[in-house]
């Protein structure tokens, strides 16, 4: 059964995604506000804050690798703040609207991430948030693999945090 809290969390993430997609650097205040609301509504604040502290550097590292290896190019900065905020919002979804992903087997999570994560980035590229520096098929394969690898590590970190907090 879908809980109201998960629906709200999902809608708040979508608000951050579309705001950053359309406004980029001009979305910082709105995105920060929505992320604070997401955190305020979190039912597992301790787990979420530890996840943010431990996983956000991995997410930023993924984006740095993407830029370094010339998969994507941003208009304004090496890694724009709006992308960091988008990752923070996504991390705040893991234990709420994306909780299902935490319960599936890691190989299945990897495949799902590899297939679907690049689609979000391709959509953002089509809106001009950044430029793909390689052919679309190359981006899809390489970035899908990288994103799935990092996100599965993040899921494992989240599970370890949960186990630690329960014990």
N, C-alpha and C. Protein backbone atom coordinates (compact mmCIF):
# COMPACT_ATOMS: atom_id res chain seq x y z
N UNK A 1 0.84 -1.19 0.00
CA UNK A 1 0.00 0.00 0.00
C UNK A 1 0.88 1.25 0.00
N UNK A 2 0.56 2.19 -0.83
CA UNK A 2 1.32 3.43 -0.92
C UNK A 2 0.87 4.36 0.20
N UNK A 3 1.86 4.83 0.97
CA UNK A 3 1.55 5.73 2.07
C UNK A 3 1.58 7.17 1.59
N UNK A 4 0.77 7.99 2.25
CA UNK A 4 0.69 9.41 1.91
C UNK A 4 2.07 10.07 2.01
N UNK A 5 2.84 9.67 3.02
CA UNK A 5 4.17 10.25 3.21
C UNK A 5 5.07 10.00 2.00
N UNK A 6 4.99 8.80 1.43
CA UNK A 6 5.80 8.47 0.26
C UNK A 6 5.39 9.27 -0.96
N UNK A 7 4.10 9.49 -1.11
CA UNK A 7 3.60 10.28 -2.24
C UNK A 7 4.08 11.73 -2.11
N UNK A 8 4.00 12.27 -0.92
CA UNK A 8 4.47 13.64 -0.68
C UNK A 8 5.96 13.74 -0.96
N UNK A 9 6.73 12.76 -0.46
CA UNK A 9 8.18 12.74 -0.69
C UNK A 9 8.47 12.70 -2.19
N UNK A 10 7.78 11.85 -2.92
CA UNK A 10 7.96 11.74 -4.37
C UNK A 10 7.65 13.07 -5.06
N UNK A 11 6.55 13.69 -4.68
CA UNK A 11 6.16 14.97 -5.28
C UNK A 11 7.18 16.07 -4.98
N UNK A 12 7.69 16.07 -3.76
CA UNK A 12 8.71 17.06 -3.40
C UNK A 12 9.99 16.85 -4.21
N UNK A 13 10.38 15.59 -4.40
CA UNK A 13 11.55 15.32 -5.25
C UNK A 13 11.30 15.81 -6.67
N UNK A 14 10.13 15.53 -7.20
CA UNK A 14 9.81 15.99 -8.56
C UNK A 14 9.86 17.51 -8.65
N UNK A 15 9.44 18.18 -7.59
CA UNK A 15 9.51 19.64 -7.56
C UNK A 15 10.96 20.10 -7.67
N UNK A 16 11.85 19.44 -6.94
CA UNK A 16 13.28 19.79 -7.02
C UNK A 16 13.81 19.47 -8.41
N UNK A 17 13.45 18.30 -8.94
CA UNK A 17 13.97 17.90 -10.25
C UNK A 17 13.57 18.90 -11.34
N UNK A 18 12.27 19.21 -11.41
CA UNK A 18 11.82 20.11 -12.47
C UNK A 18 12.30 21.55 -12.24
N UNK A 19 12.36 21.96 -10.99
CA UNK A 19 12.85 23.31 -10.71
C UNK A 19 14.31 23.45 -11.13
N UNK A 20 15.14 22.46 -10.76
CA UNK A 20 16.55 22.55 -11.14
C UNK A 20 16.72 22.39 -12.64
N UNK A 21 15.90 21.56 -13.24
CA UNK A 21 15.99 21.37 -14.69
C UNK A 21 15.68 22.66 -15.43
N UNK A 22 14.65 23.34 -14.99
CA UNK A 22 14.20 24.54 -15.71
C UNK A 22 14.94 25.81 -15.30
N UNK A 23 15.33 25.90 -14.03
CA UNK A 23 15.91 27.16 -13.54
C UNK A 23 17.41 27.06 -13.23
N UNK A 24 17.94 25.86 -13.15
CA UNK A 24 19.33 25.60 -12.85
C UNK A 24 19.81 26.40 -11.63
N UNK A 25 20.80 27.27 -11.80
CA UNK A 25 21.35 28.02 -10.66
C UNK A 25 20.33 28.93 -9.99
N UNK A 26 19.29 29.30 -10.71
CA UNK A 26 18.24 30.15 -10.12
C UNK A 26 17.27 29.35 -9.26
N UNK A 27 17.48 28.04 -9.19
CA UNK A 27 16.60 27.18 -8.41
C UNK A 27 17.15 26.88 -7.01
N UNK A 28 18.28 27.46 -6.66
CA UNK A 28 18.96 27.11 -5.41
C UNK A 28 18.06 27.34 -4.19
N UNK A 29 17.48 28.52 -4.06
CA UNK A 29 16.65 28.82 -2.89
C UNK A 29 15.44 27.89 -2.81
N UNK A 30 14.76 27.73 -3.93
CA UNK A 30 13.57 26.86 -3.95
C UNK A 30 13.97 25.43 -3.62
N UNK A 31 15.04 24.95 -4.23
CA UNK A 31 15.48 23.58 -3.98
C UNK A 31 15.87 23.37 -2.52
N UNK A 32 16.61 24.31 -1.96
CA UNK A 32 16.99 24.21 -0.54
C UNK A 32 15.75 24.17 0.35
N UNK A 33 14.78 24.99 0.04
CA UNK A 33 13.55 25.03 0.83
C UNK A 33 12.82 23.68 0.75
N UNK A 34 12.69 23.14 -0.44
CA UNK A 34 12.00 21.86 -0.61
C UNK A 34 12.78 20.74 0.09
N UNK A 35 14.10 20.75 -0.01
CA UNK A 35 14.92 19.74 0.67
C UNK A 35 14.74 19.83 2.18
N UNK A 36 14.69 21.04 2.71
CA UNK A 36 14.44 21.19 4.15
C UNK A 36 13.08 20.64 4.54
N UNK A 37 12.09 20.85 3.69
CA UNK A 37 10.75 20.28 3.94
C UNK A 37 10.82 18.75 3.90
N UNK A 38 11.54 18.21 2.92
CA UNK A 38 11.69 16.76 2.82
C UNK A 38 12.32 16.20 4.10
N UNK A 39 13.35 16.88 4.58
CA UNK A 39 14.02 16.42 5.80
C UNK A 39 13.09 16.56 7.01
N UNK A 40 12.38 17.67 7.08
CA UNK A 40 11.45 17.88 8.19
C UNK A 40 10.38 16.78 8.23
N UNK A 41 9.90 16.36 7.07
CA UNK A 41 8.87 15.33 6.99
C UNK A 41 9.41 13.91 7.12
N UNK A 42 10.72 13.77 7.10
CA UNK A 42 11.34 12.45 7.18
C UNK A 42 10.96 11.73 8.47
N UNK A 43 10.65 10.44 8.33
CA UNK A 43 10.33 9.62 9.50
C UNK A 43 11.58 8.97 10.08
N UNK A 44 12.71 9.13 9.41
CA UNK A 44 13.96 8.55 9.87
C UNK A 44 15.09 9.57 9.71
N UNK A 45 14.95 10.67 10.43
CA UNK A 45 15.87 11.80 10.29
C UNK A 45 17.33 11.40 10.54
N UNK A 46 17.58 10.60 11.57
CA UNK A 46 18.96 10.22 11.87
C UNK A 46 19.56 9.43 10.72
N UNK A 47 18.82 8.46 10.22
CA UNK A 47 19.31 7.66 9.10
C UNK A 47 19.53 8.54 7.87
N UNK A 48 18.60 9.43 7.61
CA UNK A 48 18.72 10.30 6.43
C UNK A 48 19.91 11.25 6.52
N UNK A 49 20.17 11.81 7.70
CA UNK A 49 21.29 12.75 7.81
C UNK A 49 22.61 12.01 7.67
N UNK A 50 22.70 10.80 8.26
CA UNK A 50 23.93 10.02 8.09
C UNK A 50 24.11 9.63 6.63
N UNK A 51 23.01 9.27 5.98
CA UNK A 51 23.08 8.91 4.56
C UNK A 51 23.54 10.11 3.73
N UNK A 52 23.00 11.27 4.00
CA UNK A 52 23.43 12.48 3.27
C UNK A 52 24.93 12.72 3.45
N UNK A 53 25.39 12.61 4.68
CA UNK A 53 26.80 12.89 4.98
C UNK A 53 27.72 11.87 4.31
N UNK A 54 27.31 10.61 4.28
CA UNK A 54 28.18 9.57 3.72
C UNK A 54 28.01 9.36 2.22
N UNK A 55 26.82 9.53 1.72
CA UNK A 55 26.56 9.20 0.31
C UNK A 55 26.69 10.38 -0.65
N UNK A 56 26.44 11.58 -0.16
CA UNK A 56 26.53 12.74 -1.07
C UNK A 56 27.93 12.89 -1.67
N UNK A 57 29.00 12.65 -0.90
CA UNK A 57 30.33 12.70 -1.55
C UNK A 57 30.51 11.66 -2.67
N UNK A 58 29.91 10.49 -2.52
CA UNK A 58 29.97 9.50 -3.60
C UNK A 58 29.24 9.99 -4.84
N UNK A 59 28.08 10.57 -4.62
CA UNK A 59 27.28 11.09 -5.74
C UNK A 59 28.03 12.21 -6.46
N UNK A 60 28.62 13.11 -5.68
CA UNK A 60 29.40 14.20 -6.29
C UNK A 60 30.60 13.63 -7.03
N UNK A 61 31.22 12.60 -6.44
CA UNK A 61 32.34 11.93 -7.11
C UNK A 61 31.94 11.35 -8.45
N UNK A 62 30.75 10.77 -8.51
CA UNK A 62 30.23 10.24 -9.79
C UNK A 62 30.13 11.36 -10.82
N UNK A 63 29.58 12.48 -10.41
CA UNK A 63 29.43 13.60 -11.35
C UNK A 63 30.79 14.16 -11.76
N UNK A 64 31.73 14.21 -10.82
CA UNK A 64 33.09 14.67 -11.14
C UNK A 64 33.74 13.75 -12.17
N UNK A 65 33.57 12.45 -11.99
CA UNK A 65 34.10 11.49 -12.96
C UNK A 65 33.46 11.69 -14.34
N UNK A 66 32.17 11.96 -14.34
CA UNK A 66 31.46 12.17 -15.60
C UNK A 66 32.02 13.37 -16.36
N UNK A 67 32.33 14.41 -15.62
CA UNK A 67 32.90 15.61 -16.24
C UNK A 67 34.35 15.35 -16.64
N UNK A 68 35.11 14.74 -15.72
CA UNK A 68 36.52 14.48 -15.96
C UNK A 68 36.72 13.61 -17.21
N UNK A 69 35.89 12.59 -17.35
CA UNK A 69 36.00 11.70 -18.51
C UNK A 69 35.18 12.19 -19.71
N UNK A 70 34.73 13.44 -19.60
CA UNK A 70 34.10 14.13 -20.72
C UNK A 70 32.83 13.44 -21.23
N UNK A 71 32.04 12.91 -20.27
CA UNK A 71 30.74 12.37 -20.66
C UNK A 71 29.72 13.49 -20.77
N UNK A 72 29.81 14.45 -19.83
CA UNK A 72 28.90 15.59 -19.82
C UNK A 72 29.68 16.87 -19.57
N UNK A 73 29.11 17.97 -20.03
CA UNK A 73 29.70 19.29 -19.83
C UNK A 73 28.61 20.23 -19.33
N UNK A 74 28.91 20.90 -18.22
CA UNK A 74 27.96 21.87 -17.67
C UNK A 74 28.30 23.26 -18.18
N UNK A 75 27.28 24.11 -18.25
CA UNK A 75 27.45 25.46 -18.79
C UNK A 75 28.21 26.38 -17.85
N UNK A 76 27.90 26.29 -16.56
CA UNK A 76 28.36 27.33 -15.64
C UNK A 76 29.52 26.94 -14.74
N UNK A 77 29.59 25.71 -14.32
CA UNK A 77 30.65 25.32 -13.39
C UNK A 77 30.97 23.85 -13.55
N UNK A 78 32.05 23.45 -12.90
CA UNK A 78 32.48 22.06 -13.00
C UNK A 78 31.36 21.13 -12.54
N UNK A 79 30.88 21.30 -11.32
CA UNK A 79 29.70 20.60 -10.82
C UNK A 79 28.78 21.67 -10.23
N UNK A 80 27.68 21.96 -10.88
CA UNK A 80 26.81 23.03 -10.39
C UNK A 80 26.12 22.66 -9.07
N UNK A 81 25.89 23.65 -8.25
CA UNK A 81 25.25 23.46 -6.96
C UNK A 81 23.86 22.85 -7.11
N UNK A 82 23.16 23.21 -8.17
CA UNK A 82 21.82 22.65 -8.36
C UNK A 82 21.86 21.12 -8.50
N UNK A 83 22.94 20.59 -9.06
CA UNK A 83 23.06 19.14 -9.20
C UNK A 83 23.33 18.49 -7.84
N UNK A 84 24.12 19.13 -7.02
CA UNK A 84 24.37 18.63 -5.67
C UNK A 84 23.06 18.60 -4.89
N UNK A 85 22.26 19.65 -5.03
CA UNK A 85 20.97 19.70 -4.34
C UNK A 85 20.01 18.64 -4.88
N UNK A 86 20.07 18.39 -6.15
CA UNK A 86 19.22 17.35 -6.74
C UNK A 86 19.60 15.99 -6.17
N UNK A 87 20.88 15.73 -6.02
CA UNK A 87 21.33 14.49 -5.40
C UNK A 87 20.87 14.41 -3.94
N UNK A 88 20.96 15.52 -3.22
CA UNK A 88 20.51 15.52 -1.82
C UNK A 88 19.03 15.15 -1.74
N UNK A 89 18.25 15.71 -2.63
CA UNK A 89 16.81 15.39 -2.66
C UNK A 89 16.60 13.91 -2.99
N UNK A 90 17.36 13.39 -3.93
CA UNK A 90 17.24 11.98 -4.28
C UNK A 90 17.59 11.09 -3.08
N UNK A 91 18.65 11.44 -2.38
CA UNK A 91 19.05 10.65 -1.21
C UNK A 91 17.96 10.66 -0.14
N UNK A 92 17.23 11.76 -0.03
CA UNK A 92 16.14 11.84 0.94
C UNK A 92 14.91 11.04 0.50
N UNK A 93 14.95 10.49 -0.69
CA UNK A 93 13.86 9.63 -1.18
C UNK A 93 14.12 8.15 -0.89
N UNK A 94 15.37 7.78 -0.66
CA UNK A 94 15.72 6.36 -0.55
C UNK A 94 14.92 5.65 0.53
N UNK A 95 14.74 6.27 1.67
CA UNK A 95 14.02 5.62 2.77
C UNK A 95 12.54 5.96 2.80
N UNK A 96 12.07 6.60 1.76
CA UNK A 96 10.66 6.99 1.72
C UNK A 96 10.03 6.53 0.40
N UNK A 97 9.97 7.40 -0.57
CA UNK A 97 9.28 7.05 -1.80
C UNK A 97 10.03 6.02 -2.64
N UNK A 98 11.32 5.84 -2.39
CA UNK A 98 12.10 4.83 -3.11
C UNK A 98 12.41 3.61 -2.24
N UNK A 99 11.70 3.45 -1.15
CA UNK A 99 11.99 2.35 -0.21
C UNK A 99 11.95 0.98 -0.87
N UNK A 100 11.14 0.83 -1.89
CA UNK A 100 11.06 -0.45 -2.59
C UNK A 100 12.43 -0.86 -3.13
N UNK A 101 13.20 0.10 -3.62
CA UNK A 101 14.51 -0.20 -4.18
C UNK A 101 15.45 -0.78 -3.11
N UNK A 102 15.25 -0.40 -1.86
CA UNK A 102 16.11 -0.91 -0.79
C UNK A 102 15.82 -2.36 -0.46
N UNK A 103 14.69 -2.86 -0.92
CA UNK A 103 14.29 -4.23 -0.59
C UNK A 103 14.52 -5.23 -1.72
N UNK A 104 14.97 -4.78 -2.86
CA UNK A 104 15.21 -5.73 -3.95
C UNK A 104 16.68 -6.16 -3.94
N UNK A 105 16.95 -7.27 -4.54
CA UNK A 105 18.31 -7.81 -4.56
C UNK A 105 19.23 -6.86 -5.32
N UNK A 106 20.48 -6.72 -4.84
CA UNK A 106 21.43 -5.79 -5.48
C UNK A 106 21.60 -5.97 -7.00
N UNK A 107 21.67 -7.20 -7.52
CA UNK A 107 21.79 -7.31 -8.99
C UNK A 107 20.58 -6.73 -9.73
N UNK A 108 19.40 -6.91 -9.16
CA UNK A 108 18.20 -6.35 -9.78
C UNK A 108 18.19 -4.83 -9.67
N UNK A 109 18.62 -4.31 -8.52
CA UNK A 109 18.70 -2.85 -8.35
C UNK A 109 19.68 -2.27 -9.35
N UNK A 110 20.80 -2.96 -9.56
CA UNK A 110 21.81 -2.50 -10.52
C UNK A 110 21.22 -2.41 -11.92
N UNK A 111 20.52 -3.45 -12.33
CA UNK A 111 19.92 -3.47 -13.68
C UNK A 111 18.89 -2.36 -13.83
N UNK A 112 18.04 -2.20 -12.83
CA UNK A 112 17.02 -1.14 -12.89
C UNK A 112 17.68 0.22 -13.01
N UNK A 113 18.70 0.46 -12.18
CA UNK A 113 19.40 1.75 -12.22
C UNK A 113 20.10 1.96 -13.56
N UNK A 114 20.73 0.92 -14.06
CA UNK A 114 21.46 1.05 -15.32
C UNK A 114 20.52 1.35 -16.48
N UNK A 115 19.31 0.77 -16.43
CA UNK A 115 18.36 1.00 -17.51
C UNK A 115 17.69 2.36 -17.43
N UNK A 116 17.34 2.81 -16.21
CA UNK A 116 16.48 3.98 -16.09
C UNK A 116 17.18 5.29 -15.70
N UNK A 117 18.27 5.22 -14.97
CA UNK A 117 18.93 6.46 -14.53
C UNK A 117 19.39 7.34 -15.70
N UNK A 118 20.00 6.75 -16.74
CA UNK A 118 20.43 7.61 -17.84
C UNK A 118 19.29 8.36 -18.53
N UNK A 119 18.07 7.80 -18.47
CA UNK A 119 16.93 8.48 -19.10
C UNK A 119 16.69 9.86 -18.48
N UNK A 120 16.83 9.95 -17.17
CA UNK A 120 16.66 11.23 -16.49
C UNK A 120 17.69 12.24 -16.97
N UNK A 121 18.92 11.78 -17.12
CA UNK A 121 19.99 12.67 -17.59
C UNK A 121 19.81 13.05 -19.05
N UNK A 122 19.32 12.12 -19.86
CA UNK A 122 19.05 12.46 -21.25
C UNK A 122 17.95 13.51 -21.35
N UNK A 123 16.93 13.38 -20.49
CA UNK A 123 15.88 14.39 -20.44
C UNK A 123 16.44 15.75 -20.06
N UNK A 124 17.30 15.78 -19.06
CA UNK A 124 17.91 17.03 -18.63
C UNK A 124 18.78 17.63 -19.73
N UNK A 125 19.50 16.77 -20.44
CA UNK A 125 20.34 17.26 -21.55
C UNK A 125 19.46 17.85 -22.66
N UNK A 126 18.32 17.24 -22.91
CA UNK A 126 17.40 17.76 -23.93
C UNK A 126 16.86 19.13 -23.55
N UNK A 127 16.76 19.41 -22.24
CA UNK A 127 16.32 20.72 -21.78
C UNK A 127 17.47 21.72 -21.71
N UNK A 128 18.69 21.27 -21.99
CA UNK A 128 19.83 22.17 -22.01
C UNK A 128 20.52 22.37 -20.67
N UNK A 129 20.24 21.51 -19.68
CA UNK A 129 20.88 21.65 -18.37
C UNK A 129 22.38 21.37 -18.46
N UNK A 130 22.76 20.52 -19.40
CA UNK A 130 24.16 20.22 -19.69
C UNK A 130 24.23 19.63 -21.08
N UNK A 131 25.42 19.40 -21.55
CA UNK A 131 25.63 18.86 -22.89
C UNK A 131 26.28 17.49 -22.79
N UNK A 132 25.79 16.57 -23.58
CA UNK A 132 26.46 15.27 -23.68
C UNK A 132 27.69 15.46 -24.55
N UNK A 133 28.81 14.96 -24.08
CA UNK A 133 30.06 15.12 -24.82
C UNK A 133 30.43 13.90 -25.64
N UNK A 134 29.59 12.88 -25.58
CA UNK A 134 29.80 11.65 -26.35
C UNK A 134 28.47 11.29 -27.01
N UNK A 135 28.51 10.29 -27.85
CA UNK A 135 27.28 9.82 -28.50
C UNK A 135 26.30 9.34 -27.44
N UNK A 136 25.02 9.47 -27.73
CA UNK A 136 23.98 9.11 -26.76
C UNK A 136 24.12 7.66 -26.30
N UNK A 137 24.36 6.75 -27.22
CA UNK A 137 24.47 5.34 -26.84
C UNK A 137 25.67 5.11 -25.93
N UNK A 138 26.79 5.83 -26.18
CA UNK A 138 27.96 5.69 -25.32
C UNK A 138 27.67 6.24 -23.93
N UNK A 139 27.02 7.40 -23.89
CA UNK A 139 26.64 7.97 -22.60
C UNK A 139 25.75 7.01 -21.84
N UNK A 140 24.76 6.48 -22.52
CA UNK A 140 23.80 5.59 -21.87
C UNK A 140 24.51 4.39 -21.24
N UNK A 141 25.39 3.75 -21.98
CA UNK A 141 26.08 2.57 -21.47
C UNK A 141 27.05 2.92 -20.34
N UNK A 142 27.91 3.89 -20.57
CA UNK A 142 28.94 4.22 -19.58
C UNK A 142 28.32 4.86 -18.35
N UNK A 143 27.48 5.86 -18.56
CA UNK A 143 26.90 6.54 -17.40
C UNK A 143 25.93 5.63 -16.66
N UNK A 144 25.19 4.82 -17.39
CA UNK A 144 24.30 3.86 -16.74
C UNK A 144 25.06 2.93 -15.82
N UNK A 145 26.19 2.43 -16.31
CA UNK A 145 27.03 1.54 -15.49
C UNK A 145 27.57 2.28 -14.27
N UNK A 146 28.11 3.47 -14.48
CA UNK A 146 28.67 4.25 -13.36
C UNK A 146 27.59 4.59 -12.34
N UNK A 147 26.47 5.10 -12.82
CA UNK A 147 25.40 5.52 -11.92
C UNK A 147 24.86 4.32 -11.13
N UNK A 148 24.64 3.22 -11.80
CA UNK A 148 24.14 2.02 -11.13
C UNK A 148 25.14 1.53 -10.09
N UNK A 149 26.42 1.57 -10.41
CA UNK A 149 27.45 1.14 -9.46
C UNK A 149 27.43 2.00 -8.21
N UNK A 150 27.42 3.31 -8.41
CA UNK A 150 27.44 4.23 -7.27
C UNK A 150 26.14 4.12 -6.47
N UNK A 151 25.02 4.06 -7.14
CA UNK A 151 23.75 4.01 -6.42
C UNK A 151 23.61 2.71 -5.63
N UNK A 152 24.09 1.61 -6.18
CA UNK A 152 24.04 0.35 -5.42
C UNK A 152 24.96 0.42 -4.20
N UNK A 153 26.09 1.09 -4.32
CA UNK A 153 26.94 1.33 -3.14
C UNK A 153 26.19 2.17 -2.11
N UNK A 154 25.48 3.17 -2.57
CA UNK A 154 24.70 4.02 -1.67
C UNK A 154 23.61 3.20 -0.98
N UNK A 155 22.97 2.31 -1.70
CA UNK A 155 21.96 1.44 -1.09
C UNK A 155 22.57 0.55 -0.02
N UNK A 156 23.77 0.04 -0.28
CA UNK A 156 24.46 -0.78 0.72
C UNK A 156 24.83 0.04 1.94
N UNK A 157 25.30 1.25 1.73
CA UNK A 157 25.62 2.15 2.84
C UNK A 157 24.36 2.41 3.66
N UNK A 158 23.26 2.65 2.99
CA UNK A 158 22.00 2.90 3.68
C UNK A 158 21.59 1.70 4.53
N UNK A 159 21.76 0.50 3.98
CA UNK A 159 21.44 -0.71 4.75
C UNK A 159 22.32 -0.84 5.99
N UNK A 160 23.61 -0.51 5.84
CA UNK A 160 24.53 -0.57 6.98
C UNK A 160 24.14 0.46 8.04
N UNK A 161 23.75 1.64 7.61
CA UNK A 161 23.31 2.68 8.55
C UNK A 161 22.09 2.21 9.31
N UNK A 162 21.12 1.65 8.59
CA UNK A 162 19.90 1.15 9.21
C UNK A 162 20.21 0.06 10.23
N UNK A 163 21.08 -0.87 9.86
CA UNK A 163 21.46 -1.94 10.76
C UNK A 163 22.15 -1.38 12.01
N UNK A 164 23.03 -0.43 11.81
CA UNK A 164 23.75 0.19 12.92
C UNK A 164 22.78 0.90 13.86
N UNK A 165 21.82 1.61 13.32
CA UNK A 165 20.88 2.36 14.15
C UNK A 165 19.92 1.45 14.91
N UNK A 166 19.62 0.29 14.34
CA UNK A 166 18.71 -0.65 14.99
C UNK A 166 19.42 -1.38 16.14
N UNK A 167 20.71 -1.65 15.97
CA UNK A 167 21.43 -2.42 17.00
C UNK A 167 21.79 -1.60 18.23
